[in-house]
Amino acid sequence: AELWIDLQVYDDALLVPPPYGFRLQQQDMEAFYRRVIGELDAPILIYHYPHFGNGLELPTIQKFFHLGPKVIGLKDSSGVAGNIEAIGHMEGRDGRVLLMGNDLLIHQALQKGWQGAISGVASLCPEILCAVYDNYAKGDIEASRKAQEALDELIVQLDSFPFPWAMHLGLPLRGIQTGLLSQELSPERKEQAAKFADWFPGWLKRQNYL
């Protein structure tokens, strides 16, 4: 991956989540990251994604910003809107990239000085993510806000399925074949998928993506 930060380019940065599968305490994750930083000769992004693993508390994130230049920033996928301002004002945050990992909060994060996002929805519809960011970057805040509203509308549909089923269901509608889902759909899910297949092309057309 390439992360553009004030005209500096970081190549091959590692997005490092905490260990998952077992419940750990904050000191355990701090010890994990200290070892990763000590043993890997690469820029590192701390990954805060509590939904699929162990969450990081704000004081722990603050400590990571003082672990040296290898920690170039953070991706926050917690979905906690209050983290945008709290992390953005942390001591040691200057010079580090902050990337939003929850697509519902991208416009809000940009308004608070975050540099961008790493998006899941972009795998299905990168155009709408570009609209949020590019319009904001050129100063058209209202167009960025409206793009975020359209993105939110799509996310409501996607979040009604277990992740990442909706991506697999949506990509063939854009001409990209993905193969079968690993799990058989129940009759109720098949009905839901059929409704999504009817809805999604209309959404694309309204955004001029068809």
C-alpha atoms as a PDB file:
ATOM      1  CA  ALA A   1       0.000   0.000   0.000  1.00  0.00           C
ATOM      2  CA  GLU A   2       1.052   3.595  -0.518  1.00  0.00           C
ATOM      3  CA  LEU A   3       0.058   6.238   2.019  1.00  0.00           C
ATOM      4  CA  TRP A   4       0.519   9.877   1.024  1.00  0.00           C
ATOM      5  CA  ILE A   5       1.266  12.058   4.046  1.00  0.00           C
ATOM      6  CA  ASP A   6       2.299  15.682   3.454  1.00  0.00           C
ATOM      7  CA  LEU A   7       4.024  14.723   0.191  1.00  0.00           C
ATOM      8  CA  GLN A   8       5.965  11.893   1.835  1.00  0.00           C
ATOM      9  CA  VAL A   9       5.402   8.388   0.490  1.00  0.00           C
ATOM     10  CA  TYR A  10       5.453   5.314   2.724  1.00  0.00           C
ATOM     11  CA  ASP A  11       5.760   2.074   0.750  1.00  0.00           C
ATOM     12  CA  ASP A  12       4.695  -1.332   2.027  1.00  0.00           C
ATOM     13  CA  ALA A  13       3.270  -0.124   5.322  1.00  0.00           C
ATOM     14  CA  LEU A  14       1.893  -2.959   7.432  1.00  0.00           C
ATOM     15  CA  LEU A  15      -1.626  -2.682   8.821  1.00  0.00           C
ATOM     16  CA  VAL A  16      -1.239  -4.619  12.070  1.00  0.00           C
ATOM     17  CA  PRO A  17      -4.329  -5.675  14.061  1.00  0.00           C
ATOM     18  CA  PRO A  18      -4.067  -6.894  17.649  1.00  0.00           C
ATOM     19  CA  PRO A  19      -4.171 -10.666  18.214  1.00  0.00           C
ATOM     20  CA  TYR A  20      -7.677 -12.114  17.977  1.00  0.00           C
ATOM     21  CA  GLY A  21      -9.449 -15.292  19.016  1.00  0.00           C
ATOM     22  CA  PHE A  22      -8.805 -14.849  22.734  1.00  0.00           C
ATOM     23  CA  ARG A  23      -9.710 -11.992  25.038  1.00  0.00           C
ATOM     24  CA  LEU A  24      -6.630  -9.985  25.967  1.00  0.00           C
ATOM     25  CA  GLN A  25      -6.067  -7.061  28.285  1.00  0.00           C
ATOM     26  CA  GLN A  26      -4.576  -3.761  27.199  1.00  0.00           C
ATOM     27  CA  GLN A  27      -1.112  -4.546  28.553  1.00  0.00           C
ATOM     28  CA  ASP A  28      -1.073  -7.754  26.509  1.00  0.00           C
ATOM     29  CA  MET A  29      -1.696  -5.829  23.297  1.00  0.00           C
ATOM     30  CA  GLU A  30       0.862  -3.226  24.227  1.00  0.00           C
ATOM     31  CA  ALA A  31       3.438  -5.998  24.665  1.00  0.00           C
ATOM     32  CA  PHE A  32       2.404  -7.459  21.291  1.00  0.00           C
ATOM     33  CA  TYR A  33       2.896  -4.186  19.445  1.00  0.00           C
ATOM     34  CA  ARG A  34       6.200  -3.473  21.176  1.00  0.00           C
ATOM     35  CA  ARG A  35       7.522  -6.805  19.911  1.00  0.00           C
ATOM     36  CA  VAL A  36       6.188  -6.214  16.391  1.00  0.00           C
ATOM     37  CA  ILE A  37       7.763  -2.766  16.273  1.00  0.00           C
ATOM     38  CA  GLY A  38      11.031  -4.096  17.634  1.00  0.00           C
ATOM     39  CA  GLU A  39      11.352  -7.009  15.222  1.00  0.00           C
ATOM     40  CA  LEU A  40       9.938  -5.643  11.952  1.00  0.00           C
ATOM     41  CA  ASP A  41      11.853  -3.155   9.855  1.00  0.00           C
ATOM     42  CA  ALA A  42       8.795  -1.564   8.245  1.00  0.00           C
ATOM     43  CA  PRO A  43       6.338   1.286   8.790  1.00  0.00           C
ATOM     44  CA  ILE A  44       3.345   0.156  10.832  1.00  0.00           C
ATOM     45  CA  LEU A  45      -0.267   1.276  11.045  1.00  0.00           C
ATOM     46  CA  ILE A  46      -2.003   0.357  14.278  1.00  0.00           C
ATOM     47  CA  TYR A  47      -5.373  -1.256  13.476  1.00  0.00           C
ATOM     48  CA  HIS A  48      -8.242  -0.633  15.889  1.00  0.00           C
ATOM     49  CA  TYR A  49     -11.043  -3.045  14.917  1.00  0.00           C
ATOM     50  CA  PRO A  50     -12.801  -4.218  18.087  1.00  0.00           C
ATOM     51  CA  HIS A  51     -15.691  -5.931  16.261  1.00  0.00           C
ATOM     52  CA  PHE A  52     -13.529  -8.847  15.117  1.00  0.00           C
ATOM     53  CA  GLY A  53     -11.000  -8.996  17.906  1.00  0.00           C
ATOM     54  CA  ASN A  54      -9.562  -7.109  20.853  1.00  0.00           C
ATOM     55  CA  GLY A  55     -10.337  -3.404  21.053  1.00  0.00           C
ATOM     56  CA  LEU A  56      -7.793  -0.745  21.934  1.00  0.00           C
ATOM     57  CA  GLU A  57      -8.599   1.791  24.603  1.00  0.00           C
ATOM     58  CA  LEU A  58      -7.700   5.422  24.000  1.00  0.00           C
ATOM     59  CA  PRO A  59      -4.866   5.504  26.604  1.00  0.00           C
ATOM     60  CA  THR A  60      -3.337   2.466  24.869  1.00  0.00           C
ATOM     61  CA  ILE A  61      -3.497   4.168  21.474  1.00  0.00           C
ATOM     62  CA  GLN A  62      -1.846   7.210  23.044  1.00  0.00           C
ATOM     63  CA  LYS A  63       1.067   5.014  24.177  1.00  0.00           C
ATOM     64  CA  PHE A  64       1.530   3.687  20.645  1.00  0.00           C
ATOM     65  CA  PHE A  65       2.081   7.217  19.347  1.00  0.00           C
ATOM     66  CA  HIS A  66       5.199   7.316  21.532  1.00  0.00           C
ATOM     67  CA  LEU A  67       6.747   4.053  20.338  1.00  0.00           C
ATOM     68  CA  GLY A  68       8.935   5.651  17.711  1.00  0.00           C
ATOM     69  CA  PRO A  69       8.842   6.565  14.011  1.00  0.00           C
ATOM     70  CA  LYS A  70       7.894   3.074  12.805  1.00  0.00           C
ATOM     71  CA  VAL A  71       4.347   3.757  13.994  1.00  0.00           C
ATOM     72  CA  ILE A  72       3.258   6.019  11.147  1.00  0.00           C
ATOM     73  CA  GLY A  73      -0.399   6.116  12.130  1.00  0.00           C
ATOM     74  CA  LEU A  74      -3.667   4.411  12.890  1.00  0.00           C
ATOM     75  CA  LYS A  75      -6.712   2.961  11.183  1.00  0.00           C
ATOM     76  CA  ASP A  76      -9.794   3.230  13.399  1.00  0.00           C
ATOM     77  CA  SER A  77     -12.655   0.907  12.429  1.00  0.00           C
ATOM     78  CA  SER A  78     -14.416   1.107  15.790  1.00  0.00           C
ATOM     79  CA  GLY A  79     -17.276   3.239  14.487  1.00  0.00           C
ATOM     80  CA  VAL A  80     -17.087   5.414  17.609  1.00  0.00           C
ATOM     81  CA  ALA A  81     -17.574   8.983  16.415  1.00  0.00           C
ATOM     82  CA  GLY A  82     -16.042  10.399  19.581  1.00  0.00           C
ATOM     83  CA  ASN A  83     -12.718   8.772  18.711  1.00  0.00           C
ATOM     84  CA  ILE A  84     -12.291  11.117  15.746  1.00  0.00           C
ATOM     85  CA  GLU A  85     -11.664  14.155  17.899  1.00  0.00           C
ATOM     86  CA  ALA A  86     -10.117  12.293  20.836  1.00  0.00           C
ATOM     87  CA  ILE A  87      -7.450  10.592  18.713  1.00  0.00           C
ATOM     88  CA  GLY A  88      -6.949  13.667  16.544  1.00  0.00           C
ATOM     89  CA  HIS A  89      -5.951  15.711  19.592  1.00  0.00           C
ATOM     90  CA  MET A  90      -3.671  13.135  21.186  1.00  0.00           C
ATOM     91  CA  GLU A  91      -0.130  14.086  22.107  1.00  0.00           C
ATOM     92  CA  GLY A  92       2.217  12.570  19.556  1.00  0.00           C
ATOM     93  CA  ARG A  93      -0.425  12.439  16.823  1.00  0.00           C
ATOM     94  CA  ASP A  94       1.288  15.158  14.714  1.00  0.00           C
ATOM     95  CA  GLY A  95       3.152  13.711  11.746  1.00  0.00           C
ATOM     96  CA  ARG A  96       1.175  10.475  11.831  1.00  0.00           C
ATOM     97  CA  VAL A  97      -1.577   9.530   9.409  1.00  0.00           C
ATOM     98  CA  LEU A  98      -5.086   8.913  10.732  1.00  0.00           C
ATOM     99  CA  LEU A  99      -7.282   6.767   8.497  1.00  0.00           C
ATOM    100  CA  MET A 100     -10.975   6.100   9.030  1.00  0.00           C
ATOM    101  CA  GLY A 101     -11.992   2.461   8.750  1.00  0.00           C
ATOM    102  CA  ASN A 102     -15.722   2.963   9.248  1.00  0.00           C
ATOM    103  CA  ASP A 103     -17.269   4.188   6.010  1.00  0.00           C
ATOM    104  CA  LEU A 104     -20.123   5.966   7.800  1.00  0.00           C
ATOM    105  CA  LEU A 105     -17.668   8.412   9.395  1.00  0.00           C
ATOM    106  CA  ILE A 106     -15.353   9.334   6.516  1.00  0.00           C
ATOM    107  CA  HIS A 107     -16.713  12.820   5.802  1.00  0.00           C
ATOM    108  CA  GLN A 108     -16.827  13.603   9.503  1.00  0.00           C
ATOM    109  CA  ALA A 109     -13.234  12.435   9.956  1.00  0.00           C
ATOM    110  CA  LEU A 110     -12.005  14.548   7.032  1.00  0.00           C
ATOM    111  CA  GLN A 111     -13.586  17.594   8.636  1.00  0.00           C
ATOM    112  CA  LYS A 112     -11.528  16.931  11.768  1.00  0.00           C
ATOM    113  CA  GLY A 113      -8.218  16.680   9.929  1.00  0.00           C
ATOM    114  CA  TRP A 114      -7.957  12.943   9.275  1.00  0.00           C
ATOM    115  CA  GLN A 115      -6.119  12.196   6.053  1.00  0.00           C
ATOM    116  CA  GLY A 116      -8.373   9.595   4.469  1.00  0.00           C
ATOM    117  CA  ALA A 117      -9.820   6.119   4.801  1.00  0.00           C
ATOM    118  CA  ILE A 118      -9.261   2.438   4.162  1.00  0.00           C
ATOM    119  CA  SER A 119     -12.679   1.349   2.968  1.00  0.00           C
ATOM    120  CA  GLY A 120     -14.471  -1.966   2.714  1.00  0.00           C
ATOM    121  CA  VAL A 121     -17.241  -0.544   0.549  1.00  0.00           C
ATOM    122  CA  ALA A 122     -14.595   0.569  -1.967  1.00  0.00           C
ATOM    123  CA  SER A 123     -14.258  -3.073  -3.026  1.00  0.00           C
ATOM    124  CA  LEU A 124     -17.811  -2.808  -4.372  1.00  0.00           C
ATOM    125  CA  CYS A 125     -18.125   0.836  -5.364  1.00  0.00           C
ATOM    126  CA  PRO A 126     -14.870   2.828  -5.233  1.00  0.00           C
ATOM    127  CA  GLU A 127     -16.481   5.739  -7.084  1.00  0.00           C
ATOM    128  CA  ILE A 128     -18.581   6.831  -4.121  1.00  0.00           C
ATOM    129  CA  LEU A 129     -15.569   6.817  -1.793  1.00  0.00           C
ATOM    130  CA  CYS A 130     -13.622   8.915  -4.296  1.00  0.00           C
ATOM    131  CA  ALA A 131     -16.557  11.336  -4.450  1.00  0.00           C
ATOM    132  CA  VAL A 132     -16.492  11.822  -0.671  1.00  0.00           C
ATOM    133  CA  TYR A 133     -12.723  12.384  -0.588  1.00  0.00           C
ATOM    134  CA  ASP A 134     -12.094  14.217  -3.859  1.00  0.00           C
ATOM    135  CA  ASN A 135     -14.874  16.732  -3.336  1.00  0.00           C
ATOM    136  CA  TYR A 136     -13.635  17.434   0.162  1.00  0.00           C
ATOM    137  CA  ALA A 137     -10.040  17.788  -1.044  1.00  0.00           C
ATOM    138  CA  LYS A 138     -11.006  20.401  -3.629  1.00  0.00           C
ATOM    139  CA  GLY A 139     -13.090  22.340  -1.111  1.00  0.00           C
ATOM    140  CA  ASP A 140     -16.578  21.344  -2.199  1.00  0.00           C
ATOM    141  CA  ILE A 141     -17.722  20.368   1.263  1.00  0.00           C
ATOM    142  CA  GLU A 142     -21.408  20.187   0.336  1.00  0.00           C
ATOM    143  CA  ALA A 143     -20.746  17.762  -2.536  1.00  0.00           C
ATOM    144  CA  SER A 144     -18.630  15.652  -0.190  1.00  0.00           C
ATOM    145  CA  ARG A 145     -21.457  15.620   2.354  1.00  0.00           C
ATOM    146  CA  LYS A 146     -23.993  14.579  -0.268  1.00  0.00           C
ATOM    147  CA  ALA A 147     -21.692  11.791  -1.441  1.00  0.00           C
ATOM    148  CA  GLN A 148     -21.428  10.618   2.163  1.00  0.00           C
ATOM    149  CA  GLU A 149     -25.233  10.544   2.377  1.00  0.00           C
ATOM    150  CA  ALA A 150     -25.388   8.372  -0.746  1.00  0.00           C
ATOM    151  CA  LEU A 151     -22.674   6.145   0.731  1.00  0.00           C
ATOM    152  CA  ASP A 152     -24.667   5.854   3.960  1.00  0.00           C
ATOM    153  CA  GLU A 153     -27.701   4.736   1.957  1.00  0.00           C
ATOM    154  CA  LEU A 154     -25.646   1.961   0.381  1.00  0.00           C
ATOM    155  CA  ILE A 155     -24.171   0.927   3.737  1.00  0.00           C
ATOM    156  CA  VAL A 156     -27.653   0.416   5.208  1.00  0.00           C
ATOM    157  CA  GLN A 157     -28.268  -2.173   2.495  1.00  0.00           C
ATOM    158  CA  LEU A 158     -24.857  -3.824   2.861  1.00  0.00           C
ATOM    159  CA  ASP A 159     -25.071  -4.027   6.644  1.00  0.00           C
ATOM    160  CA  SER A 160     -28.333  -5.949   6.462  1.00  0.00           C
ATOM    161  CA  PHE A 161     -26.231  -8.953   5.362  1.00  0.00           C
ATOM    162  CA  PRO A 162     -23.457 -10.708   7.290  1.00  0.00           C
ATOM    163  CA  PHE A 163     -20.117  -9.218   6.224  1.00  0.00           C
ATOM    164  CA  PRO A 164     -18.947  -9.549   3.421  1.00  0.00           C
ATOM    165  CA  TRP A 165     -21.891 -11.278   1.726  1.00  0.00           C
ATOM    166  CA  ALA A 166     -23.264  -8.106   0.135  1.00  0.00           C
ATOM    167  CA  MET A 167     -19.933  -7.479  -1.632  1.00  0.00           C
ATOM    168  CA  HIS A 168     -20.165 -10.898  -3.274  1.00  0.00           C
ATOM    169  CA  LEU A 169     -23.789 -10.309  -4.193  1.00  0.00           C
ATOM    170  CA  GLY A 170     -23.163  -6.815  -5.552  1.00  0.00           C
ATOM    171  CA  LEU A 171     -20.042  -7.310  -7.652  1.00  0.00           C
ATOM    172  CA  PRO A 172     -21.710  -9.562 -10.275  1.00  0.00           C
ATOM    173  CA  LEU A 173     -24.245  -6.764 -10.779  1.00  0.00           C
ATOM    174  CA  ARG A 174     -21.259  -4.637 -11.805  1.00  0.00           C
ATOM    175  CA  GLY A 175     -19.943  -7.284 -14.187  1.00  0.00           C
ATOM    176  CA  ILE A 176     -17.354  -8.757 -11.801  1.00  0.00           C
ATOM    177  CA  GLN A 177     -17.846 -12.449 -11.050  1.00  0.00           C
ATOM    178  CA  THR A 178     -16.857 -13.598  -7.571  1.00  0.00           C
ATOM    179  CA  GLY A 179     -17.993 -17.208  -7.384  1.00  0.00           C
ATOM    180  CA  LEU A 180     -20.321 -18.726  -4.830  1.00  0.00           C
ATOM    181  CA  LEU A 181     -20.563 -17.745  -1.205  1.00  0.00           C
ATOM    182  CA  SER A 182     -18.929 -20.193   1.162  1.00  0.00           C
ATOM    183  CA  GLN A 183     -22.244 -20.664   2.990  1.00  0.00           C
ATOM    184  CA  GLU A 184     -25.556 -21.756   1.512  1.00  0.00           C
ATOM    185  CA  LEU A 185     -28.195 -19.026   1.661  1.00  0.00           C
ATOM    186  CA  SER A 186     -31.393 -19.694   3.553  1.00  0.00           C
ATOM    187  CA  PRO A 187     -34.688 -19.089   1.712  1.00  0.00           C
ATOM    188  CA  GLU A 188     -35.053 -15.823   3.627  1.00  0.00           C
ATOM    189  CA  ARG A 189     -31.565 -14.696   2.602  1.00  0.00           C
ATOM    190  CA  LYS A 190     -32.234 -15.620  -1.019  1.00  0.00           C
ATOM    191  CA  GLU A 191     -35.313 -13.412  -0.951  1.00  0.00           C
ATOM    192  CA  GLN A 192     -33.288 -10.620   0.619  1.00  0.00           C
ATOM    193  CA  ALA A 193     -30.549 -11.042  -2.000  1.00  0.00           C
ATOM    194  CA  ALA A 194     -33.120 -10.809  -4.783  1.00  0.00           C
ATOM    195  CA  LYS A 195     -34.436  -7.535  -3.328  1.00  0.00           C
ATOM    196  CA  PHE A 196     -30.889  -6.169  -3.122  1.00  0.00           C
ATOM    197  CA  ALA A 197     -30.311  -7.167  -6.754  1.00  0.00           C
ATOM    198  CA  ASP A 198     -33.372  -5.079  -7.669  1.00  0.00           C
ATOM    199  CA  TRP A 199     -32.329  -2.110  -5.518  1.00  0.00           C
ATOM    200  CA  PHE A 200     -28.592  -1.818  -6.242  1.00  0.00           C
ATOM    201  CA  PRO A 201     -28.718  -0.973  -9.991  1.00  0.00           C
ATOM    202  CA  GLY A 202     -31.161   1.845  -9.205  1.00  0.00           C
ATOM    203  CA  TRP A 203     -28.765   3.260  -6.621  1.00  0.00           C
ATOM    204  CA  LEU A 204     -25.882   3.055  -9.116  1.00  0.00           C
ATOM    205  CA  LYS A 205     -27.976   4.835 -11.737  1.00  0.00           C
ATOM    206  CA  ARG A 206     -28.872   7.646  -9.323  1.00  0.00           C
ATOM    207  CA  GLN A 207     -25.154   8.207  -8.694  1.00  0.00           C
ATOM    208  CA  ASN A 208     -24.424   8.096 -12.474  1.00  0.00           C
ATOM    209  CA  TYR A 209     -22.267   4.989 -12.047  1.00  0.00           C
ATOM    210  CA  LEU A 210     -24.128   2.993 -14.720  1.00  0.00           C
END
